Amino acid sequence: MKTFLMYKDHDFDLQQELPWNEPALTRDLELSTLLKSMALGDEFLSEVVKKSIFSSLNAGPDTILYRQSILKDCLKNPVIVRDLYKYLLKQLKPRKRIVGIGSLTKAIPHI
């Protein structure tokens, strides 16, 4: 089963490039404050929200209506959504390794 939450026919691309003017827009609109508040300190969630905001700048009415229907369903089932998010984070953490001397010393206690 393939679940599409952002688009009807394809996955949300977390690797997508942000627009060239993202730093200026983030600063001018004070999006950093909004992102911190929304993510409650969760860096991964903050990055996803940021990419979703900027990828939505050219979204048409069909995409917006689709996302509103997904949101309505999520609001009706908050426990399921939270459980799904926790599960996804557990699946992603092993893949999110940053290689550097600091991370090696934490990963290998005897160093």
PDB file of N, CA and C in Angstrom:
ATOM      1  N   MET A   1       0.839  -1.172   0.000  1.00  0.00           N
ATOM      2  CA  MET A   1       0.000   0.000   0.000  1.00  0.00           C
ATOM      3  C   MET A   1       0.891   1.246   0.000  1.00  0.00           C
ATOM      4  N   LYS A   2       0.540   2.209  -0.786  1.00  0.00           N
ATOM      5  CA  LYS A   2       1.277   3.455  -0.879  1.00  0.00           C
ATOM      6  C   LYS A   2       0.365   4.573  -0.397  1.00  0.00           C
ATOM      7  N   THR A   3       0.802   5.296   0.621  1.00  0.00           N
ATOM      8  CA  THR A   3       0.013   6.395   1.164  1.00  0.00           C
ATOM      9  C   THR A   3       0.611   7.716   0.697  1.00  0.00           C
ATOM     10  N   PHE A   4      -0.182   8.498   0.041  1.00  0.00           N
ATOM     11  CA  PHE A   4       0.247   9.815  -0.410  1.00  0.00           C
ATOM     12  C   PHE A   4      -0.482  10.861   0.419  1.00  0.00           C
ATOM     13  N   LEU A   5       0.254  11.574   1.249  1.00  0.00           N
ATOM     14  CA  LEU A   5      -0.375  12.567   2.108  1.00  0.00           C
ATOM     15  C   LEU A   5      -0.305  13.978   1.530  1.00  0.00           C
ATOM     16  N   MET A   6       0.672  14.252   0.696  1.00  0.00           N
ATOM     17  CA  MET A   6       0.839  15.604   0.167  1.00  0.00           C
ATOM     18  C   MET A   6       0.307  15.751  -1.263  1.00  0.00           C
ATOM     19  N   TYR A   7       0.369  14.687  -2.017  1.00  0.00           N
ATOM     20  CA  TYR A   7      -0.082  14.709  -3.412  1.00  0.00           C
ATOM     21  C   TYR A   7      -0.871  13.434  -3.680  1.00  0.00           C
ATOM     22  N   LYS A   8      -1.835  13.516  -4.600  1.00  0.00           N
ATOM     23  CA  LYS A   8      -2.655  12.341  -4.930  1.00  0.00           C
ATOM     24  C   LYS A   8      -1.858  11.244  -5.620  1.00  0.00           C
ATOM     25  N   ASP A   9      -0.882  11.647  -6.420  1.00  0.00           N
ATOM     26  CA  ASP A   9      -0.255  10.682  -7.319  1.00  0.00           C
ATOM     27  C   ASP A   9       1.245  10.460  -7.134  1.00  0.00           C
ATOM     28  N   HIS A  10       1.845  11.106  -6.135  1.00  0.00           N
ATOM     29  CA  HIS A  10       3.277  10.864  -5.909  1.00  0.00           C
ATOM     30  C   HIS A  10       3.674  11.251  -4.487  1.00  0.00           C
ATOM     31  N   ASP A  11       4.848  10.775  -4.108  1.00  0.00           N
ATOM     32  CA  ASP A  11       5.390  11.036  -2.777  1.00  0.00           C
ATOM     33  C   ASP A  11       5.885  12.469  -2.642  1.00  0.00           C
ATOM     34  N   PHE A  12       5.926  12.913  -1.419  1.00  0.00           N
ATOM     35  CA  PHE A  12       6.567  14.180  -1.080  1.00  0.00           C
ATOM     36  C   PHE A  12       8.068  13.942  -1.114  1.00  0.00           C
ATOM     37  N   ASP A  13       8.799  14.807  -1.781  1.00  0.00           N
ATOM     38  CA  ASP A  13      10.247  14.650  -1.935  1.00  0.00           C
ATOM     39  C   ASP A  13      10.974  15.494  -0.899  1.00  0.00           C
ATOM     40  N   LEU A  14      11.450  14.856   0.150  1.00  0.00           N
ATOM     41  CA  LEU A  14      12.158  15.561   1.210  1.00  0.00           C
ATOM     42  C   LEU A  14      13.547  16.024   0.752  1.00  0.00           C
ATOM     43  N   GLN A  15      14.038  15.456  -0.343  1.00  0.00           N
ATOM     44  CA  GLN A  15      15.360  15.823  -0.862  1.00  0.00           C
ATOM     45  C   GLN A  15      15.302  17.000  -1.834  1.00  0.00           C
ATOM     46  N   GLN A  16      14.106  17.503  -2.090  1.00  0.00           N
ATOM     47  CA  GLN A  16      13.969  18.591  -3.052  1.00  0.00           C
ATOM     48  C   GLN A  16      14.732  19.838  -2.616  1.00  0.00           C
ATOM     49  N   GLU A  17      15.151  20.587  -3.593  1.00  0.00           N
ATOM     50  CA  GLU A  17      15.873  21.827  -3.323  1.00  0.00           C
ATOM     51  C   GLU A  17      14.875  22.907  -2.914  1.00  0.00           C
ATOM     52  N   LEU A  18      15.289  23.726  -1.986  1.00  0.00           N
ATOM     53  CA  LEU A  18      14.473  24.869  -1.608  1.00  0.00           C
ATOM     54  C   LEU A  18      14.676  25.972  -2.652  1.00  0.00           C
ATOM     55  N   PRO A  19      13.708  26.877  -2.798  1.00  0.00           N
ATOM     56  CA  PRO A  19      13.879  27.948  -3.787  1.00  0.00           C
ATOM     57  C   PRO A  19      15.065  28.842  -3.450  1.00  0.00           C
ATOM     58  N   TRP A  20      15.611  29.474  -4.448  1.00  0.00           N
ATOM     59  CA  TRP A  20      16.795  30.311  -4.293  1.00  0.00           C
ATOM     60  C   TRP A  20      16.587  31.414  -3.262  1.00  0.00           C
ATOM     61  N   ASN A  21      15.353  31.885  -3.119  1.00  0.00           N
ATOM     62  CA  ASN A  21      15.084  33.000  -2.206  1.00  0.00           C
ATOM     63  C   ASN A  21      14.572  32.548  -0.837  1.00  0.00           C
ATOM     64  N   GLU A  22      14.750  31.280  -0.526  1.00  0.00           N
ATOM     65  CA  GLU A  22      14.272  30.743   0.756  1.00  0.00           C
ATOM     66  C   GLU A  22      14.844  31.482   1.961  1.00  0.00           C
ATOM     67  N   PRO A  23      16.157  31.760   2.009  1.00  0.00           N
ATOM     68  CA  PRO A  23      16.681  32.467   3.189  1.00  0.00           C
ATOM     69  C   PRO A  23      16.010  33.830   3.408  1.00  0.00           C
ATOM     70  N   ALA A  24      15.810  34.569   2.318  1.00  0.00           N
ATOM     71  CA  ALA A  24      15.179  35.892   2.445  1.00  0.00           C
ATOM     72  C   ALA A  24      13.720  35.760   2.884  1.00  0.00           C
ATOM     73  N   LEU A  25      13.000  34.801   2.303  1.00  0.00           N
ATOM     74  CA  LEU A  25      11.599  34.597   2.690  1.00  0.00           C
ATOM     75  C   LEU A  25      11.491  34.153   4.147  1.00  0.00           C
ATOM     76  N   THR A  26      12.359  33.253   4.548  1.00  0.00           N
ATOM     77  CA  THR A  26      12.349  32.772   5.934  1.00  0.00           C
ATOM     78  C   THR A  26      12.602  33.924   6.895  1.00  0.00           C
ATOM     79  N   ARG A  27      13.554  34.763   6.567  1.00  0.00           N
ATOM     80  CA  ARG A  27      13.874  35.916   7.406  1.00  0.00           C
ATOM     81  C   ARG A  27      12.739  36.947   7.398  1.00  0.00           C
ATOM     82  N   ASP A  28      12.281  37.321   6.204  1.00  0.00           N
ATOM     83  CA  ASP A  28      11.251  38.361   6.082  1.00  0.00           C
ATOM     84  C   ASP A  28       9.932  37.972   6.725  1.00  0.00           C
ATOM     85  N   LEU A  29       9.569  36.709   6.613  1.00  0.00           N
ATOM     86  CA  LEU A  29       8.305  36.235   7.176  1.00  0.00           C
ATOM     87  C   LEU A  29       8.462  35.670   8.589  1.00  0.00           C
ATOM     88  N   GLU A  30       9.701  35.720   9.106  1.00  0.00           N
ATOM     89  CA  GLU A  30      10.024  35.174  10.424  1.00  0.00           C
ATOM     90  C   GLU A  30       9.541  33.724  10.564  1.00  0.00           C
ATOM     91  N   LEU A  31       9.801  32.946   9.524  1.00  0.00           N
ATOM     92  CA  LEU A  31       9.371  31.549   9.523  1.00  0.00           C
ATOM     93  C   LEU A  31      10.107  30.708  10.548  1.00  0.00           C
ATOM     94  N   SER A  32      11.308  31.103  10.930  1.00  0.00           N
ATOM     95  CA  SER A  32      12.054  30.334  11.931  1.00  0.00           C
ATOM     96  C   SER A  32      11.261  30.216  13.223  1.00  0.00           C
ATOM     97  N   THR A  33      10.616  31.297  13.631  1.00  0.00           N
ATOM     98  CA  THR A  33       9.792  31.285  14.844  1.00  0.00           C
ATOM     99  C   THR A  33       8.633  30.313  14.688  1.00  0.00           C
ATOM    100  N   LEU A  34       7.975  30.376  13.539  1.00  0.00           N
ATOM    101  CA  LEU A  34       6.850  29.476  13.271  1.00  0.00           C
ATOM    102  C   LEU A  34       7.303  28.018  13.248  1.00  0.00           C
ATOM    103  N   LEU A  35       8.407  27.749  12.568  1.00  0.00           N
ATOM    104  CA  LEU A  35       8.912  26.376  12.462  1.00  0.00           C
ATOM    105  C   LEU A  35       9.290  25.812  13.826  1.00  0.00           C
ATOM    106  N   LYS A  36       9.982  26.610  14.643  1.00  0.00           N
ATOM    107  CA  LYS A  36      10.355  26.152  15.984  1.00  0.00           C
ATOM    108  C   LYS A  36       9.119  25.828  16.814  1.00  0.00           C
ATOM    109  N   SER A  37       8.128  26.672  16.714  1.00  0.00           N
ATOM    110  CA  SER A  37       6.898  26.472  17.472  1.00  0.00           C
ATOM    111  C   SER A  37       6.159  25.219  17.005  1.00  0.00           C
ATOM    112  N   MET A  38       6.076  25.039  15.706  1.00  0.00           N
ATOM    113  CA  MET A  38       5.357  23.885  15.157  1.00  0.00           C
ATOM    114  C   MET A  38       6.069  22.578  15.482  1.00  0.00           C
ATOM    115  N   ALA A  39       7.385  22.593  15.414  1.00  0.00           N
ATOM    116  CA  ALA A  39       8.157  21.353  15.553  1.00  0.00           C
ATOM    117  C   ALA A  39       8.468  20.988  16.997  1.00  0.00           C
ATOM    118  N   LEU A  40       8.290  21.929  17.922  1.00  0.00           N
ATOM    119  CA  LEU A  40       8.579  21.685  19.339  1.00  0.00           C
ATOM    120  C   LEU A  40       9.964  21.076  19.550  1.00  0.00           C
ATOM    121  N   GLY A  41      10.960  21.623  18.846  1.00  0.00           N
ATOM    122  CA  GLY A  41      12.327  21.157  19.013  1.00  0.00           C
ATOM    123  C   GLY A  41      12.711  19.961  18.161  1.00  0.00           C
ATOM    124  N   ASP A  42      11.793  19.414  17.403  1.00  0.00           N
ATOM    125  CA  ASP A  42      12.065  18.258  16.555  1.00  0.00           C
ATOM    126  C   ASP A  42      12.650  18.753  15.227  1.00  0.00           C
ATOM    127  N   GLU A  43      13.959  18.585  15.042  1.00  0.00           N
ATOM    128  CA  GLU A  43      14.636  19.101  13.854  1.00  0.00           C
ATOM    129  C   GLU A  43      14.118  18.463  12.568  1.00  0.00           C
ATOM    130  N   PHE A  44      13.849  17.174  12.623  1.00  0.00           N
ATOM    131  CA  PHE A  44      13.337  16.477  11.443  1.00  0.00           C
ATOM    132  C   PHE A  44      11.986  17.066  11.030  1.00  0.00           C
ATOM    133  N   LEU A  45      11.097  17.229  11.982  1.00  0.00           N
ATOM    134  CA  LEU A  45       9.779  17.780  11.688  1.00  0.00           C
ATOM    135  C   LEU A  45       9.903  19.211  11.169  1.00  0.00           C
ATOM    136  N   SER A  46      10.801  19.986  11.744  1.00  0.00           N
ATOM    137  CA  SER A  46      11.024  21.354  11.287  1.00  0.00           C
ATOM    138  C   SER A  46      11.445  21.384   9.826  1.00  0.00           C
ATOM    139  N   GLU A  47      12.343  20.495   9.441  1.00  0.00           N
ATOM    140  CA  GLU A  47      12.812  20.431   8.052  1.00  0.00           C
ATOM    141  C   GLU A  47      11.688  20.009   7.110  1.00  0.00           C
ATOM    142  N   VAL A  48      10.884  19.046   7.525  1.00  0.00           N
ATOM    143  CA  VAL A  48       9.760  18.598   6.694  1.00  0.00           C
ATOM    144  C   VAL A  48       8.757  19.732   6.499  1.00  0.00           C
ATOM    145  N   VAL A  49       8.439  20.436   7.571  1.00  0.00           N
ATOM    146  CA  VAL A  49       7.486  21.543   7.480  1.00  0.00           C
ATOM    147  C   VAL A  49       8.028  22.630   6.549  1.00  0.00           C
ATOM    148  N   LYS A  50       9.291  22.949   6.694  1.00  0.00           N
ATOM    149  CA  LYS A  50       9.905  23.978   5.848  1.00  0.00           C
ATOM    150  C   LYS A  50       9.817  23.589   4.375  1.00  0.00           C
ATOM    151  N   LYS A  51      10.182  22.346   4.068  1.00  0.00           N
ATOM    152  CA  LYS A  51      10.130  21.894   2.675  1.00  0.00           C
ATOM    153  C   LYS A  51       8.692  21.864   2.166  1.00  0.00           C
ATOM    154  N   SER A  52       7.755  21.482   3.030  1.00  0.00           N
ATOM    155  CA  SER A  52       6.361  21.431   2.587  1.00  0.00           C
ATOM    156  C   SER A  52       5.812  22.832   2.327  1.00  0.00           C
ATOM    157  N   ILE A  53       6.201  23.800   3.148  1.00  0.00           N
ATOM    158  CA  ILE A  53       5.757  25.180   2.933  1.00  0.00           C
ATOM    159  C   ILE A  53       6.263  25.687   1.584  1.00  0.00           C
ATOM    160  N   PHE A  54       7.547  25.529   1.342  1.00  0.00           N
ATOM    161  CA  PHE A  54       8.124  26.075   0.118  1.00  0.00           C
ATOM    162  C   PHE A  54       7.730  25.285  -1.127  1.00  0.00           C
ATOM    163  N   SER A  55       7.452  23.999  -0.985  1.00  0.00           N
ATOM    164  CA  SER A  55       7.016  23.231  -2.153  1.00  0.00           C
ATOM    165  C   SER A  55       5.557  23.517  -2.491  1.00  0.00           C
ATOM    166  N   SER A  56       4.841  24.142  -1.571  1.00  0.00           N
ATOM    167  CA  SER A  56       3.417  24.420  -1.773  1.00  0.00           C
ATOM    168  C   SER A  56       3.154  25.779  -2.405  1.00  0.00           C
ATOM    169  N   LEU A  57       4.186  26.540  -2.651  1.00  0.00           N
ATOM    170  CA  LEU A  57       3.990  27.878  -3.196  1.00  0.00           C
ATOM    171  C   LEU A  57       3.245  27.869  -4.528  1.00  0.00           C
ATOM    172  N   ASN A  58       3.408  26.812  -5.290  1.00  0.00           N
ATOM    173  CA  ASN A  58       2.758  26.728  -6.601  1.00  0.00           C
ATOM    174  C   ASN A  58       1.633  25.689  -6.635  1.00  0.00           C
ATOM    175  N   ALA A  59       1.164  25.275  -5.461  1.00  0.00           N
ATOM    176  CA  ALA A  59       0.106  24.269  -5.409  1.00  0.00           C
ATOM    177  C   ALA A  59      -1.207  24.837  -5.935  1.00  0.00           C
ATOM    178  N   GLY A  60      -1.898  24.045  -6.717  1.00  0.00           N
ATOM    179  CA  GLY A  60      -3.188  24.459  -7.263  1.00  0.00           C
ATOM    180  C   GLY A  60      -4.331  24.076  -6.339  1.00  0.00           C
ATOM    181  N   PRO A  61      -5.536  24.463  -6.692  1.00  0.00           N
ATOM    182  CA  PRO A  61      -6.715  24.186  -5.857  1.00  0.00           C
ATOM    183  C   PRO A  61      -6.925  22.696  -5.576  1.00  0.00           C
ATOM    184  N   ASP A  62      -6.681  21.844  -6.570  1.00  0.00           N
ATOM    185  CA  ASP A  62      -6.878  20.404  -6.360  1.00  0.00           C
ATOM    186  C   ASP A  62      -5.945  19.867  -5.276  1.00  0.00           C
ATOM    187  N   THR A  63      -4.692  20.297  -5.298  1.00  0.00           N
ATOM    188  CA  THR A  63      -3.722  19.862  -4.285  1.00  0.00           C
ATOM    189  C   THR A  63      -4.122  20.374  -2.911  1.00  0.00           C
ATOM    190  N   ILE A  64      -4.555  21.618  -2.838  1.00  0.00           N
ATOM    191  CA  ILE A  64      -4.961  22.203  -1.557  1.00  0.00           C
ATOM    192  C   ILE A  64      -6.181  21.478  -0.992  1.00  0.00           C
ATOM    193  N   LEU A  65      -7.167  21.205  -1.821  1.00  0.00           N
ATOM    194  CA  LEU A  65      -8.357  20.472  -1.362  1.00  0.00           C
ATOM    195  C   LEU A  65      -7.996  19.054  -0.922  1.00  0.00           C
ATOM    196  N   TYR A  66      -7.096  18.418  -1.651  1.00  0.00           N
ATOM    197  CA  TYR A  66      -6.647  17.072  -1.283  1.00  0.00           C
ATOM    198  C   TYR A  66      -5.998  17.091   0.100  1.00  0.00           C
ATOM    199  N   ARG A  67      -5.107  18.057   0.325  1.00  0.00           N
ATOM    200  CA  ARG A  67      -4.417  18.151   1.611  1.00  0.00           C
ATOM    201  C   ARG A  67      -5.382  18.488   2.742  1.00  0.00           C
ATOM    202  N   GLN A  68      -6.389  19.303   2.469  1.00  0.00           N
ATOM    203  CA  GLN A  68      -7.381  19.622   3.496  1.00  0.00           C
ATOM    204  C   GLN A  68      -8.177  18.378   3.891  1.00  0.00           C
ATOM    205  N   SER A  69      -8.471  17.505   2.930  1.00  0.00           N
ATOM    206  CA  SER A  69      -9.194  16.270   3.263  1.00  0.00           C
ATOM    207  C   SER A  69      -8.312  15.337   4.093  1.00  0.00           C
ATOM    208  N   ILE A  70      -7.015  15.287   3.794  1.00  0.00           N
ATOM    209  CA  ILE A  70      -6.082  14.482   4.585  1.00  0.00           C
ATOM    210  C   ILE A  70      -6.007  15.037   6.008  1.00  0.00           C
ATOM    211  N   LEU A  71      -5.916  16.357   6.134  1.00  0.00           N
ATOM    212  CA  LEU A  71      -5.852  16.995   7.451  1.00  0.00           C
ATOM    213  C   LEU A  71      -7.109  16.701   8.272  1.00  0.00           C
ATOM    214  N   LYS A  72      -8.274  16.763   7.654  1.00  0.00           N
ATOM    215  CA  LYS A  72      -9.525  16.453   8.359  1.00  0.00           C
ATOM    216  C   LYS A  72      -9.475  15.027   8.916  1.00  0.00           C
ATOM    217  N   ASP A  73      -8.979  14.105   8.111  1.00  0.00           N
ATOM    218  CA  ASP A  73      -8.870  12.716   8.556  1.00  0.00           C
ATOM    219  C   ASP A  73      -7.881  12.593   9.707  1.00  0.00           C
ATOM    220  N   CYS A  74      -6.767  13.302   9.627  1.00  0.00           N
ATOM    221  CA  CYS A  74      -5.766  13.272  10.700  1.00  0.00           C
ATOM    222  C   CYS A  74      -6.339  13.832  12.001  1.00  0.00           C
ATOM    223  N   LEU A  75      -7.111  14.906  11.903  1.00  0.00           N
ATOM    224  CA  LEU A  75      -7.705  15.517  13.094  1.00  0.00           C
ATOM    225  C   LEU A  75      -8.733  14.596  13.754  1.00  0.00           C
ATOM    226  N   LYS A  76      -9.364  13.750  12.952  1.00  0.00           N
ATOM    227  CA  LYS A  76     -10.330  12.790  13.493  1.00  0.00           C
ATOM    228  C   LYS A  76      -9.631  11.609  14.167  1.00  0.00           C
ATOM    229  N   ASN A  77      -8.356  11.385  13.832  1.00  0.00           N
ATOM    230  CA  ASN A  77      -7.616  10.214  14.320  1.00  0.00           C
ATOM    231  C   ASN A  77      -6.242  10.601  14.868  1.00  0.00           C
ATOM    232  N   PRO A  78      -6.164  11.466  15.879  1.00  0.00           N
ATOM    233  CA  PRO A  78      -4.863  11.961  16.344  1.00  0.00           C
ATOM    234  C   PRO A  78      -3.952  10.884  16.931  1.00  0.00           C
ATOM    235  N   VAL A  79      -4.512   9.911  17.589  1.00  0.00           N
ATOM    236  CA  VAL A  79      -3.686   8.858  18.197  1.00  0.00           C
ATOM    237  C   VAL A  79      -2.983   8.050  17.110  1.00  0.00           C
ATOM    238  N   ILE A  80      -3.697   7.717  16.079  1.00  0.00           N
ATOM    239  CA  ILE A  80      -3.106   6.954  14.973  1.00  0.00           C
ATOM    240  C   ILE A  80      -2.005   7.763  14.306  1.00  0.00           C
ATOM    241  N   VAL A  81      -2.237   9.053  14.109  1.00  0.00           N
ATOM    242  CA  VAL A  81      -1.236   9.909  13.466  1.00  0.00           C
ATOM    243  C   VAL A  81       0.022   9.991  14.322  1.00  0.00           C
ATOM    244  N   ARG A  82      -0.128  10.168  15.620  1.00  0.00           N
ATOM    245  CA  ARG A  82       1.041  10.236  16.511  1.00  0.00           C
ATOM    246  C   ARG A  82       1.807   8.916  16.512  1.00  0.00           C
ATOM    247  N   ASP A  83       1.084   7.808  16.562  1.00  0.00           N
ATOM    248  CA  ASP A  83       1.742   6.504  16.540  1.00  0.00           C
ATOM    249  C   ASP A  83       2.487   6.279  15.233  1.00  0.00           C
ATOM    250  N   LEU A  84       1.880   6.683  14.142  1.00  0.00           N
ATOM    251  CA  LEU A  84       2.534   6.550  12.839  1.00  0.00           C
ATOM    252  C   LEU A  84       3.803   7.395  12.787  1.00  0.00           C
ATOM    253  N   TYR A  85       3.746   8.598  13.302  1.00  0.00           N
ATOM    254  CA  TYR A  85       4.914   9.477  13.311  1.00  0.00           C
ATOM    255  C   TYR A  85       6.039   8.872  14.155  1.00  0.00           C
ATOM    256  N   LYS A  86       5.707   8.358  15.339  1.00  0.00           N
ATOM    257  CA  LYS A  86       6.729   7.727  16.188  1.00  0.00           C
ATOM    258  C   LYS A  86       7.367   6.539  15.481  1.00  0.00           C
ATOM    259  N   TYR A  87       6.547   5.744  14.818  1.00  0.00           N
ATOM    260  CA  TYR A  87       7.047   4.593  14.095  1.00  0.00           C
ATOM    261  C   TYR A  87       8.000   5.026  12.971  1.00  0.00           C
ATOM    262  N   LEU A  88       7.599   6.044  12.219  1.00  0.00           N
ATOM    263  CA  LEU A  88       8.430   6.526  11.122  1.00  0.00           C
ATOM    264  C   LEU A  88       9.763   7.071  11.619  1.00  0.00           C
ATOM    265  N   LEU A  89       9.737   7.788  12.734  1.00  0.00           N
ATOM    266  CA  LEU A  89      10.993   8.304  13.288  1.00  0.00           C
ATOM    267  C   LEU A  89      11.941   7.173  13.660  1.00  0.00           C
ATOM    268  N   LYS A  90      11.403   6.111  14.245  1.00  0.00           N
ATOM    269  CA  LYS A  90      12.242   4.963  14.597  1.00  0.00           C
ATOM    270  C   LYS A  90      12.862   4.342  13.352  1.00  0.00           C
ATOM    271  N   GLN A  91      12.123   4.314  12.258  1.00  0.00           N
ATOM    272  CA  GLN A  91      12.629   3.728  11.024  1.00  0.00           C
ATOM    273  C   GLN A  91      13.688   4.610  10.370  1.00  0.00           C
ATOM    274  N   LEU A  92      13.567   5.920  10.528  1.00  0.00           N
ATOM    275  CA  LEU A  92      14.496   6.847   9.883  1.00  0.00           C
ATOM    276  C   LEU A  92      15.774   7.069  10.662  1.00  0.00           C
ATOM    277  N   LYS A  93      15.749   6.977  11.979  1.00  0.00           N
ATOM    278  CA  LYS A  93      16.927   7.290  12.792  1.00  0.00           C
ATOM    279  C   LYS A  93      18.168   6.509  12.403  1.00  0.00           C
ATOM    280  N   PRO A  94      18.091   5.199  12.171  1.00  0.00           N
ATOM    281  CA  PRO A  94      19.327   4.496  11.791  1.00  0.00           C
ATOM    282  C   PRO A  94      19.933   5.016  10.489  1.00  0.00           C
ATOM    283  N   ARG A  95      19.130   5.607   9.623  1.00  0.00           N
ATOM    284  CA  ARG A  95      19.615   6.095   8.337  1.00  0.00           C
ATOM    285  C   ARG A  95      20.169   7.505   8.426  1.00  0.00           C
ATOM    286  N   LYS A  96      19.871   8.219   9.503  1.00  0.00           N
ATOM    287  CA  LYS A  96      20.276   9.616   9.644  1.00  0.00           C
ATOM    288  C   LYS A  96      21.565   9.729  10.457  1.00  0.00           C
ATOM    289  N   ARG A  97      22.645   9.147   9.966  1.00  0.00           N
ATOM    290  CA  ARG A  97      23.916   9.206  10.668  1.00  0.00           C
ATOM    291  C   ARG A  97      24.803  10.259  10.035  1.00  0.00           C
ATOM    292  N   ILE A  98      25.400  11.062  10.865  1.00  0.00           N
ATOM    293  CA  ILE A  98      26.349  12.053  10.380  1.00  0.00           C
ATOM    294  C   ILE A  98      27.733  11.555  10.772  1.00  0.00           C
ATOM    295  N   VAL A  99      28.586  11.374   9.790  1.00  0.00           N
ATOM    296  CA  VAL A  99      29.920  10.855  10.063  1.00  0.00           C
ATOM    297  C   VAL A  99      30.853  12.022  10.352  1.00  0.00           C
ATOM    298  N   GLY A 100      31.459  11.957  11.502  1.00  0.00           N
ATOM    299  CA  GLY A 100      32.398  12.975  11.942  1.00  0.00           C
ATOM    300  C   GLY A 100      33.022  12.497  13.222  1.00  0.00           C
ATOM    301  N   ILE A 101      34.059  13.111  13.654  1.00  0.00           N
ATOM    302  CA  ILE A 101      34.757  12.651  14.852  1.00  0.00           C
ATOM    303  C   ILE A 101      33.846  12.669  16.072  1.00  0.00           C
ATOM    304  N   GLY A 102      32.984  13.681  16.184  1.00  0.00           N
ATOM    305  CA  GLY A 102      32.060  13.752  17.321  1.00  0.00           C
ATOM    306  C   GLY A 102      31.081  12.605  17.335  1.00  0.00           C
ATOM    307  N   SER A 103      30.523  12.266  16.176  1.00  0.00           N
ATOM    308  CA  SER A 103      29.561  11.176  16.139  1.00  0.00           C
ATOM    309  C   SER A 103      30.236   9.824  16.326  1.00  0.00           C
ATOM    310  N   LEU A 104      31.483   9.699  15.900  1.00  0.00           N
ATOM    311  CA  LEU A 104      32.195   8.442  16.089  1.00  0.00           C
ATOM    312  C   LEU A 104      32.482   8.201  17.567  1.00  0.00           C
ATOM    313  N   THR A 105      32.840   9.234  18.284  1.00  0.00           N
ATOM    314  CA  THR A 105      33.139   9.055  19.709  1.00  0.00           C
ATOM    315  C   THR A 105      31.880   8.700  20.484  1.00  0.00           C
ATOM    316  N   LYS A 106      30.720   9.180  20.039  1.00  0.00           N
ATOM    317  CA  LYS A 106      29.475   8.822  20.710  1.00  0.00           C
ATOM    318  C   LYS A 106      29.045   7.413  20.339  1.00  0.00           C
ATOM    319  N   ALA A 107      29.277   7.046  19.081  1.00  0.00           N
ATOM    320  CA  ALA A 107      28.844   5.733  18.599  1.00  0.00           C
ATOM    321  C   ALA A 107      29.738   4.618  19.137  1.00  0.00           C
ATOM    322  N   ILE A 108      31.024   4.917  19.350  1.00  0.00           N
ATOM    323  CA  ILE A 108      31.961   3.915  19.826  1.00  0.00           C
ATOM    324  C   ILE A 108      32.495   4.383  21.180  1.00  0.00           C
ATOM    325  N   PRO A 109      31.951   3.877  22.289  1.00  0.00           N
ATOM    326  CA  PRO A 109      32.265   4.382  23.618  1.00  0.00           C
ATOM    327  C   PRO A 109      33.736   4.336  24.007  1.00  0.00           C
ATOM    328  N   HIS A 110      34.527   3.397  23.488  1.00  0.00           N
ATOM    329  CA  HIS A 110      35.910   3.267  23.940  1.00  0.00           C
ATOM    330  C   HIS A 110      36.864   4.251  23.279  1.00  0.00           C
ATOM    331  N   ILE A 111      36.391   5.125  22.390  1.00  0.00           N
ATOM    332  CA  ILE A 111      37.278   6.107  21.756  1.00  0.00           C
ATOM    333  C   ILE A 111      37.435   7.320  22.643  1.00  0.00           C
TER     334      ILE A 111
END
